[in-house]
């Protein structure tokens, strides 16, 4: 997957990706494969840290009221 990094202006505070950039990133990840798409979806759509996403246990994947759920251990031990 080839993603062009934005130019950084070190005089400004970083703002993150806008809605269109996140959408383009998810489309590009979807073209690469299911693992890439799943990881980027966790990161972008749920605001997870990389360590939180890669620490997720697939055995904790479940369903609640018709929605897929996944228990994530957040920073500081919160879930």
PDB file of N, CA and C in Angstrom:
ATOM      1  N   UNK A   1       0.855  -1.158   0.000  1.00  0.00           N
ATOM      2  CA  UNK A   1       0.000   0.000   0.000  1.00  0.00           C
ATOM      3  C   UNK A   1       0.908   1.230   0.000  1.00  0.00           C
ATOM      4  N   UNK A   2       0.648   2.159  -0.885  1.00  0.00           N
ATOM      5  CA  UNK A   2       1.437   3.376  -1.001  1.00  0.00           C
ATOM      6  C   UNK A   2       0.571   4.560  -0.606  1.00  0.00           C
ATOM      7  N   UNK A   3       0.964   5.222   0.473  1.00  0.00           N
ATOM      8  CA  UNK A   3       0.230   6.391   0.948  1.00  0.00           C
ATOM      9  C   UNK A   3       1.210   7.549   1.004  1.00  0.00           C
ATOM     10  N   UNK A   4       0.850   8.624   0.356  1.00  0.00           N
ATOM     11  CA  UNK A   4       1.699   9.812   0.344  1.00  0.00           C
ATOM     12  C   UNK A   4       1.479  10.589   1.637  1.00  0.00           C
ATOM     13  N   UNK A   5       2.561  10.858   2.363  1.00  0.00           N
ATOM     14  CA  UNK A   5       2.469  11.603   3.609  1.00  0.00           C
ATOM     15  C   UNK A   5       2.274  13.081   3.322  1.00  0.00           C
ATOM     16  N   UNK A   6       1.476  13.753   4.152  1.00  0.00           N
ATOM     17  CA  UNK A   6       1.285  15.198   3.949  1.00  0.00           C
ATOM     18  C   UNK A   6       2.549  15.963   4.322  1.00  0.00           C
ATOM     19  N   UNK A   7       2.711  17.134   3.725  1.00  0.00           N
ATOM     20  CA  UNK A   7       3.827  18.004   4.095  1.00  0.00           C
ATOM     21  C   UNK A   7       3.536  18.580   5.475  1.00  0.00           C
ATOM     22  N   UNK A   8       4.558  18.633   6.289  1.00  0.00           N
ATOM     23  CA  UNK A   8       4.386  19.147   7.641  1.00  0.00           C
ATOM     24  C   UNK A   8       4.899  20.568   7.744  1.00  0.00           C
ATOM     25  N   UNK A   9       4.114  21.400   8.386  1.00  0.00           N
ATOM     26  CA  UNK A   9       4.521  22.752   8.722  1.00  0.00           C
ATOM     27  C   UNK A   9       4.779  22.741  10.222  1.00  0.00           C
ATOM     28  N   UNK A  10       6.048  22.692  10.600  1.00  0.00           N
ATOM     29  CA  UNK A  10       6.394  22.533  12.004  1.00  0.00           C
ATOM     30  C   UNK A  10       6.044  23.748  12.851  1.00  0.00           C
ATOM     31  N   UNK A  11       5.640  24.819  12.243  1.00  0.00           N
ATOM     32  CA  UNK A  11       5.231  25.993  12.990  1.00  0.00           C
ATOM     33  C   UNK A  11       3.787  25.918  13.452  1.00  0.00           C
ATOM     34  N   UNK A  12       3.038  24.927  12.960  1.00  0.00           N
ATOM     35  CA  UNK A  12       1.621  24.792  13.300  1.00  0.00           C
ATOM     36  C   UNK A  12       1.411  23.553  14.157  1.00  0.00           C
ATOM     37  N   UNK A  13       0.321  23.522  14.871  1.00  0.00           N
ATOM     38  CA  UNK A  13      -0.057  22.364  15.665  1.00  0.00           C
ATOM     39  C   UNK A  13      -0.665  21.307  14.738  1.00  0.00           C
ATOM     40  N   UNK A  14      -0.247  20.044  14.854  1.00  0.00           N
ATOM     41  CA  UNK A  14      -0.845  19.000  14.015  1.00  0.00           C
ATOM     42  C   UNK A  14      -2.344  18.868  14.291  1.00  0.00           C
ATOM     43  N   UNK A  15      -3.124  18.648  13.234  1.00  0.00           N
ATOM     44  CA  UNK A  15      -4.571  18.587  13.396  1.00  0.00           C
ATOM     45  C   UNK A  15      -5.147  17.205  13.128  1.00  0.00           C
ATOM     46  N   UNK A  16      -4.418  16.322  12.493  1.00  0.00           N
ATOM     47  CA  UNK A  16      -4.953  15.007  12.154  1.00  0.00           C
ATOM     48  C   UNK A  16      -5.571  15.015  10.774  1.00  0.00           C
ATOM     49  N   UNK A  17      -6.223  13.917  10.441  1.00  0.00           N
ATOM     50  CA  UNK A  17      -6.829  13.759   9.116  1.00  0.00           C
ATOM     51  C   UNK A  17      -8.245  14.318   9.103  1.00  0.00           C
ATOM     52  N   UNK A  18      -8.647  14.893   7.972  1.00  0.00           N
ATOM     53  CA  UNK A  18     -10.036  15.319   7.850  1.00  0.00           C
ATOM     54  C   UNK A  18     -10.870  14.140   7.339  1.00  0.00           C
ATOM     55  N   UNK A  19     -12.157  14.323   7.235  1.00  0.00           N
ATOM     56  CA  UNK A  19     -13.097  13.257   6.857  1.00  0.00           C
ATOM     57  C   UNK A  19     -12.760  12.649   5.492  1.00  0.00           C
ATOM     58  N   UNK A  20     -12.416  13.485   4.523  1.00  0.00           N
ATOM     59  CA  UNK A  20     -12.083  12.985   3.187  1.00  0.00           C
ATOM     60  C   UNK A  20     -10.794  12.181   3.190  1.00  0.00           C
ATOM     61  N   UNK A  21      -9.814  12.631   3.963  1.00  0.00           N
ATOM     62  CA  UNK A  21      -8.545  11.907   4.044  1.00  0.00           C
ATOM     63  C   UNK A  21      -8.727  10.538   4.703  1.00  0.00           C
ATOM     64  N   UNK A  22      -9.553  10.478   5.750  1.00  0.00           N
ATOM     65  CA  UNK A  22      -9.834   9.192   6.397  1.00  0.00           C
ATOM     66  C   UNK A  22     -10.552   8.262   5.419  1.00  0.00           C
ATOM     67  N   UNK A  23     -11.519   8.788   4.685  1.00  0.00           N
ATOM     68  CA  UNK A  23     -12.226   7.974   3.698  1.00  0.00           C
ATOM     69  C   UNK A  23     -11.294   7.432   2.637  1.00  0.00           C
ATOM     70  N   UNK A  24     -10.401   8.266   2.131  1.00  0.00           N
ATOM     71  CA  UNK A  24      -9.446   7.819   1.115  1.00  0.00           C
ATOM     72  C   UNK A  24      -8.502   6.762   1.677  1.00  0.00           C
ATOM     73  N   UNK A  25      -8.099   6.939   2.925  1.00  0.00           N
ATOM     74  CA  UNK A  25      -7.214   5.963   3.561  1.00  0.00           C
ATOM     75  C   UNK A  25      -7.911   4.612   3.712  1.00  0.00           C
ATOM     76  N   UNK A  26      -9.182   4.620   4.102  1.00  0.00           N
ATOM     77  CA  UNK A  26      -9.922   3.367   4.258  1.00  0.00           C
ATOM     78  C   UNK A  26     -10.165   2.682   2.916  1.00  0.00           C
ATOM     79  N   UNK A  27     -10.414   3.457   1.880  1.00  0.00           N
ATOM     80  CA  UNK A  27     -10.575   2.876   0.537  1.00  0.00           C
ATOM     81  C   UNK A  27      -9.273   2.224   0.096  1.00  0.00           C
ATOM     82  N   UNK A  28      -8.157   2.911   0.292  1.00  0.00           N
ATOM     83  CA  UNK A  28      -6.853   2.353  -0.082  1.00  0.00           C
ATOM     84  C   UNK A  28      -6.557   1.090   0.715  1.00  0.00           C
ATOM     85  N   UNK A  29      -6.894   1.086   1.996  1.00  0.00           N
ATOM     86  CA  UNK A  29      -6.660  -0.099   2.823  1.00  0.00           C
ATOM     87  C   UNK A  29      -7.541  -1.257   2.371  1.00  0.00           C
ATOM     88  N   UNK A  30      -8.756  -0.958   1.931  1.00  0.00           N
ATOM     89  CA  UNK A  30      -9.663  -1.998   1.444  1.00  0.00           C
ATOM     90  C   UNK A  30      -9.147  -2.677   0.196  1.00  0.00           C
ATOM     91  N   UNK A  31      -8.378  -1.960  -0.595  1.00  0.00           N
ATOM     92  CA  UNK A  31      -7.791  -2.544  -1.803  1.00  0.00           C
ATOM     93  C   UNK A  31      -6.633  -3.480  -1.458  1.00  0.00           C
ATOM     94  N   UNK A  32      -6.022  -3.270  -0.292  1.00  0.00           N
ATOM     95  CA  UNK A  32      -4.862  -4.067   0.102  1.00  0.00           C
ATOM     96  C   UNK A  32      -5.229  -5.408   0.678  1.00  0.00           C
ATOM     97  N   UNK A  33      -6.249  -5.484   1.468  1.00  0.00           N
ATOM     98  CA  UNK A  33      -6.616  -6.741   2.096  1.00  0.00           C
ATOM     99  C   UNK A  33      -7.431  -6.517   3.352  1.00  0.00           C
ATOM    100  N   UNK A  34      -7.993  -7.590   3.867  1.00  0.00           N
ATOM    101  CA  UNK A  34      -8.894  -7.473   5.004  1.00  0.00           C
ATOM    102  C   UNK A  34      -8.180  -7.092   6.293  1.00  0.00           C
ATOM    103  N   UNK A  35      -6.957  -7.585   6.506  1.00  0.00           N
ATOM    104  CA  UNK A  35      -6.247  -7.248   7.731  1.00  0.00           C
ATOM    105  C   UNK A  35      -5.905  -5.766   7.785  1.00  0.00           C
ATOM    106  N   UNK A  36      -5.420  -5.221   6.664  1.00  0.00           N
ATOM    107  CA  UNK A  36      -5.084  -3.800   6.623  1.00  0.00           C
ATOM    108  C   UNK A  36      -6.323  -2.942   6.836  1.00  0.00           C
ATOM    109  N   UNK A  37      -7.415  -3.344   6.191  1.00  0.00           N
ATOM    110  CA  UNK A  37      -8.655  -2.580   6.316  1.00  0.00           C
ATOM    111  C   UNK A  37      -9.179  -2.644   7.746  1.00  0.00           C
ATOM    112  N   UNK A  38      -9.132  -3.817   8.370  1.00  0.00           N
ATOM    113  CA  UNK A  38      -9.615  -3.962   9.745  1.00  0.00           C
ATOM    114  C   UNK A  38      -8.785  -3.114  10.707  1.00  0.00           C
ATOM    115  N   UNK A  39      -7.463  -3.150  10.563  1.00  0.00           N
ATOM    116  CA  UNK A  39      -6.596  -2.382  11.449  1.00  0.00           C
ATOM    117  C   UNK A  39      -6.834  -0.887  11.299  1.00  0.00           C
ATOM    118  N   UNK A  40      -6.871  -0.402  10.063  1.00  0.00           N
ATOM    119  CA  UNK A  40      -7.078   1.032   9.856  1.00  0.00           C
ATOM    120  C   UNK A  40      -8.476   1.467  10.277  1.00  0.00           C
ATOM    121  N   UNK A  41      -9.456   0.596  10.127  1.00  0.00           N
ATOM    122  CA  UNK A  41     -10.809   0.918  10.596  1.00  0.00           C
ATOM    123  C   UNK A  41     -10.829   1.077  12.109  1.00  0.00           C
ATOM    124  N   UNK A  42     -10.155   0.162  12.815  1.00  0.00           N
ATOM    125  CA  UNK A  42     -10.076   0.284  14.277  1.00  0.00           C
ATOM    126  C   UNK A  42      -9.412   1.590  14.679  1.00  0.00           C
ATOM    127  N   UNK A  43      -8.314   1.907  14.011  1.00  0.00           N
ATOM    128  CA  UNK A  43      -7.565   3.119  14.359  1.00  0.00           C
ATOM    129  C   UNK A  43      -8.363   4.384  14.048  1.00  0.00           C
ATOM    130  N   UNK A  44      -8.869   4.468  12.835  1.00  0.00           N
ATOM    131  CA  UNK A  44      -9.499   5.714  12.377  1.00  0.00           C
ATOM    132  C   UNK A  44     -10.909   5.926  12.922  1.00  0.00           C
ATOM    133  N   UNK A  45     -11.713   4.890  12.929  1.00  0.00           N
ATOM    134  CA  UNK A  45     -13.124   5.059  13.277  1.00  0.00           C
ATOM    135  C   UNK A  45     -13.387   4.988  14.776  1.00  0.00           C
ATOM    136  N   UNK A  46     -12.429   4.448  15.524  1.00  0.00           N
ATOM    137  CA  UNK A  46     -12.614   4.324  16.959  1.00  0.00           C
ATOM    138  C   UNK A  46     -11.616   5.143  17.762  1.00  0.00           C
ATOM    139  N   UNK A  47     -10.707   5.813  17.072  1.00  0.00           N
ATOM    140  CA  UNK A  47      -9.728   6.646  17.752  1.00  0.00           C
ATOM    141  C   UNK A  47      -8.766   5.861  18.625  1.00  0.00           C
ATOM    142  N   UNK A  48      -8.440   4.639  18.212  1.00  0.00           N
ATOM    143  CA  UNK A  48      -7.542   3.810  19.013  1.00  0.00           C
ATOM    144  C   UNK A  48      -6.089   4.178  18.778  1.00  0.00           C
ATOM    145  N   UNK A  49      -5.283   3.926  19.770  1.00  0.00           N
ATOM    146  CA  UNK A  49      -3.833   3.993  19.614  1.00  0.00           C
ATOM    147  C   UNK A  49      -3.394   2.700  18.944  1.00  0.00           C
ATOM    148  N   UNK A  50      -2.235   2.724  18.294  1.00  0.00           N
ATOM    149  CA  UNK A  50      -1.722   1.531  17.626  1.00  0.00           C
ATOM    150  C   UNK A  50      -1.582   0.390  18.630  1.00  0.00           C
ATOM    151  N   UNK A  51      -1.040   0.666  19.803  1.00  0.00           N
ATOM    152  CA  UNK A  51      -0.853  -0.380  20.815  1.00  0.00           C
ATOM    153  C   UNK A  51      -2.184  -0.988  21.252  1.00  0.00           C
ATOM    154  N   UNK A  52      -3.237  -0.189  21.308  1.00  0.00           N
ATOM    155  CA  UNK A  52      -4.559  -0.702  21.682  1.00  0.00           C
ATOM    156  C   UNK A  52      -5.117  -1.612  20.596  1.00  0.00           C
ATOM    157  N   UNK A  53      -4.941  -1.213  19.341  1.00  0.00           N
ATOM    158  CA  UNK A  53      -5.474  -2.007  18.232  1.00  0.00           C
ATOM    159  C   UNK A  53      -4.743  -3.337  18.092  1.00  0.00           C
ATOM    160  N   UNK A  54      -3.419  -3.316  18.176  1.00  0.00           N
ATOM    161  CA  UNK A  54      -2.691  -4.573  17.997  1.00  0.00           C
ATOM    162  C   UNK A  54      -2.773  -5.460  19.231  1.00  0.00           C
ATOM    163  N   UNK A  55      -3.185  -4.899  20.360  1.00  0.00           N
ATOM    164  CA  UNK A  55      -3.368  -5.691  21.567  1.00  0.00           C
ATOM    165  C   UNK A  55      -4.736  -6.337  21.661  1.00  0.00           C
ATOM    166  N   UNK A  56      -5.612  -6.062  20.698  1.00  0.00           N
ATOM    167  CA  UNK A  56      -6.960  -6.641  20.715  1.00  0.00           C
ATOM    168  C   UNK A  56      -6.875  -8.153  20.527  1.00  0.00           C
ATOM    169  N   UNK A  57      -7.725  -8.865  21.243  1.00  0.00           N
ATOM    170  CA  UNK A  57      -7.775 -10.318  21.166  1.00  0.00           C
ATOM    171  C   UNK A  57      -9.001 -10.728  20.365  1.00  0.00           C
ATOM    172  N   UNK A  58      -8.786 -11.381  19.223  1.00  0.00           N
ATOM    173  CA  UNK A  58      -9.893 -11.763  18.337  1.00  0.00           C
ATOM    174  C   UNK A  58     -10.874 -12.708  19.026  1.00  0.00           C
ATOM    175  N   UNK A  59     -10.409 -13.411  20.062  1.00  0.00           N
ATOM    176  CA  UNK A  59     -11.295 -14.300  20.807  1.00  0.00           C
ATOM    177  C   UNK A  59     -12.350 -13.524  21.576  1.00  0.00           C
ATOM    178  N   UNK A  60     -12.142 -12.221  21.758  1.00  0.00           N
ATOM    179  CA  UNK A  60     -13.112 -11.379  22.450  1.00  0.00           C
ATOM    180  C   UNK A  60     -14.093 -10.712  21.485  1.00  0.00           C
ATOM    181  N   UNK A  61     -14.060 -11.122  20.216  1.00  0.00           N
ATOM    182  CA  UNK A  61     -15.018 -10.613  19.236  1.00  0.00           C
ATOM    183  C   UNK A  61     -16.382 -11.200  19.560  1.00  0.00           C
ATOM    184  N   UNK A  62     -17.389 -10.362  19.635  1.00  0.00           N
ATOM    185  CA  UNK A  62     -18.718 -10.830  20.000  1.00  0.00           C
ATOM    186  C   UNK A  62     -19.800 -10.062  19.260  1.00  0.00           C
ATOM    187  N   UNK A  63     -21.002 -10.201  19.750  1.00  0.00           N
ATOM    188  CA  UNK A  63     -22.157  -9.531  19.165  1.00  0.00           C
ATOM    189  C   UNK A  63     -23.062  -9.061  20.291  1.00  0.00           C
ATOM    190  N   UNK A  64     -23.561  -7.852  20.131  1.00  0.00           N
ATOM    191  CA  UNK A  64     -24.471  -7.296  21.124  1.00  0.00           C
ATOM    192  C   UNK A  64     -25.536  -6.478  20.408  1.00  0.00           C
ATOM    193  N   UNK A  65     -26.786  -6.844  20.583  1.00  0.00           N
ATOM    194  CA  UNK A  65     -27.934  -6.165  19.964  1.00  0.00           C
ATOM    195  C   UNK A  65     -27.741  -5.955  18.459  1.00  0.00           C
ATOM    196  N   UNK A  66     -27.215  -6.987  17.777  1.00  0.00           N
ATOM    197  CA  UNK A  66     -27.054  -6.934  16.332  1.00  0.00           C
ATOM    198  C   UNK A  66     -25.798  -6.246  15.840  1.00  0.00           C
ATOM    199  N   UNK A  67     -24.916  -5.826  16.745  1.00  0.00           N
ATOM    200  CA  UNK A  67     -23.674  -5.160  16.368  1.00  0.00           C
ATOM    201  C   UNK A  67     -22.490  -6.020  16.770  1.00  0.00           C
ATOM    202  N   UNK A  68     -21.450  -6.011  15.929  1.00  0.00           N
ATOM    203  CA  UNK A  68     -20.222  -6.707  16.270  1.00  0.00           C
ATOM    204  C   UNK A  68     -19.492  -5.901  17.331  1.00  0.00           C
ATOM    205  N   UNK A  69     -18.958  -6.577  18.339  1.00  0.00           N
ATOM    206  CA  UNK A  69     -18.252  -5.905  19.426  1.00  0.00           C
ATOM    207  C   UNK A  69     -16.869  -6.520  19.601  1.00  0.00           C
ATOM    208  N   UNK A  70     -15.951  -5.738  20.129  1.00  0.00           N
ATOM    209  CA  UNK A  70     -14.606  -6.202  20.420  1.00  0.00           C
ATOM    210  C   UNK A  70     -14.123  -5.470  21.659  1.00  0.00           C
ATOM    211  N   UNK A  71     -13.757  -6.226  22.683  1.00  0.00           N
ATOM    212  CA  UNK A  71     -13.251  -5.631  23.916  1.00  0.00           C
ATOM    213  C   UNK A  71     -11.827  -5.136  23.669  1.00  0.00           C
ATOM    214  N   UNK A  72     -11.588  -3.873  23.952  1.00  0.00           N
ATOM    215  CA  UNK A  72     -10.287  -3.254  23.768  1.00  0.00           C
ATOM    216  C   UNK A  72      -9.802  -2.763  25.121  1.00  0.00           C
ATOM    217  N   UNK A  73      -8.560  -3.083  25.463  1.00  0.00           N
ATOM    218  CA  UNK A  73      -7.968  -2.562  26.682  1.00  0.00           C
ATOM    219  C   UNK A  73      -7.321  -1.224  26.350  1.00  0.00           C
ATOM    220  N   UNK A  74      -7.867  -0.152  26.921  1.00  0.00           N
ATOM    221  CA  UNK A  74      -7.400   1.198  26.617  1.00  0.00           C
ATOM    222  C   UNK A  74      -6.220   1.575  27.496  1.00  0.00           C
ATOM    223  N   UNK A  75      -5.598   2.679  27.176  1.00  0.00           N
ATOM    224  CA  UNK A  75      -4.474   3.189  27.958  1.00  0.00           C
ATOM    225  C   UNK A  75      -4.926   3.381  29.406  1.00  0.00           C
ATOM    226  N   UNK A  76      -4.086   3.001  30.329  1.00  0.00           N
ATOM    227  CA  UNK A  76      -4.433   3.117  31.749  1.00  0.00           C
ATOM    228  C   UNK A  76      -5.256   1.961  32.261  1.00  0.00           C
ATOM    229  N   UNK A  77      -5.437   0.914  31.437  1.00  0.00           N
ATOM    230  CA  UNK A  77      -6.155  -0.274  31.877  1.00  0.00           C
ATOM    231  C   UNK A  77      -7.664  -0.196  31.754  1.00  0.00           C
ATOM    232  N   UNK A  78      -8.197   0.879  31.160  1.00  0.00           N
ATOM    233  CA  UNK A  78      -9.659   0.989  30.972  1.00  0.00           C
ATOM    234  C   UNK A  78     -10.081   0.114  29.808  1.00  0.00           C
ATOM    235  N   UNK A  79     -11.326  -0.341  29.823  1.00  0.00           N
ATOM    236  CA  UNK A  79     -11.841  -1.105  28.678  1.00  0.00           C
ATOM    237  C   UNK A  79     -13.044  -0.432  28.087  1.00  0.00           C
TER     238      UNK A  79
END
